[in-house]
Amino acid sequence: MKHQHISPLIIVLLSFLAMIVIGTILFLLPFSTVEGANFSFVDALFLSTSAVCVTGLSPVANLAATLTLFGKFVLGFLIQVGGLGIVTIAIYVLVIFGIKIGVTERYIIKEALNQSSMGGLVRLIKAIVLTTLLIQSVGIAFNFIVFIQDYSFWSALGHSVFHSISSFNNAGFDILGATSIQVYSTNILFNLSTMVMIILGGLGFIVLQDIYKKRSWKHLNLFSHIVIKTSAALIIIGALFIKLSDYSSVSWLEALFQSVTTRTAGFSTVDITILHRSTLTFMMALMFIGASPNSTGGGIKTTTFYTIFKSITCFLQGKTPVVKNRKIDEVSRVKAFTITILAAASVFVAFLFVSRIEADNPLFDMSYQNLLFETVSAFATVGLSLGATPHLLPASKIVLTIIMFIGRLGPITIFGILNKNWGHPNASNVEYATERIIVG
């Protein structure tokens, strides 16, 4: 009898599902919420998924007033596990206890971290965990300087730890109250430290490791060059557009902060409901692009966007897409377009379901832009909201829960589970004649 191997993609998927289930159960415990504010099953599931998928959308308007200390601890724990990935944490624990990491585990790591080979994976796992803890520790120190001015020692420390975890993991959750972090919109230290944490988490561990090893711009590998340049361009263009589109509503610091956080983090130092429609539309585009591969952020990823942009511009010029004397291979280009189309299709289908469900909502009048904004935010695991999420019907929350899960793991991972030729892309030995199809 032929032995069947379980695809690492399925193991990665099940690990996330397991954490979501555990989080849901913990949020349903009576001592996770304050008296009289118990979660329904759907709300607990939604919040758990949002935390594990580091999204930031909340089924309630004020988490700080809803969760107890235990509930806030659970939320922070789920964010940390979701950002690093349960596979990464599990392997790191095994390494600490000196347990040998076999070929099967390395395959799982390879798929979980989207690596091209199995070489150096254990070292990469160690680097990811240690880098995360180091950066978050520095973030806690800066946050404490800010929060100690408004809170007692232990409250300031708790807020500092939670905000550091949420920032670096690009989760966007906060426990500061109904006004969120808007009270710190003019605090330069808070804005800069939060932006740096978000950017570092959004660049991805591979880029951070490359920067640490090379410490020279010209010696960085091609992947790092693309990630850094694309991220910087999106931040600058986003800040300029937000400021110019809402010149009287936001300061330059707020525009810069919003540009950084919109791509995947979900924090906001301004009330985004007052922003112009053009600004909100542009923000949806930034959310859809998202962060970078192997990072704590979501979206289609910066390298995917860059590959598509480069392919289109070179095609229009009749050129081959080349970056730093390296040709972008056809497989990467096809994968980039596939990811984008699957992502757009996922958002479109989810939006269709949510808009139809909310047409029957007697309690809240949802505009198309509000619903589309929440759907894009859910898929891109951003967490920015126009205030619609707490008022959604349970069926709509289930739809957004599913789209958050798809967005966190990536459409390729989700649909790749159905691929019977996993690990054997060239399983067929049949060669076919090439035919040019008339398109356009």
Foldseek 3Di string as FASTA:
>chain_A
DDDDDAQLLVVLLVQLVVQLVVQLVQLQDPQQWDPPQGDDSLQSSLLSLLQLLLQAAHLDLAPLNTGDPSNLVSSLVSNLCSLLGVLLVVLLVCVVVVHDQDPVSLSSLCLQQVHPDSPPSSVLSVLVVVVLVVLLVVQLVLQLVVQVVPDPNVVSSVQSNSLSSLLLLLNQHHNPTNLACLVCLPVPSNLVSSLVSNQNLQLASVLVVQCVVPVDPVPGDPQNVQQVVLLVVQLVVQLVCQCVQPVPQDDSSQSSSCSSQLLFRAHHNHLCLPGDPVNLVVSLVSVQQHGARNGSWWHLHRVLVVLQVQVVVQVVVVHFRDDPNHGDDPVSSVVSVVLSVLLVVLLVVLLVVQVVQCVPQPPDDDDSSQSSSLSSSLLRSRNHHNPCSNSGDSVNSVSSSVSNSCRSSGVCSVVVSVPPCVVNPPPDPDDDDDDDDDDD
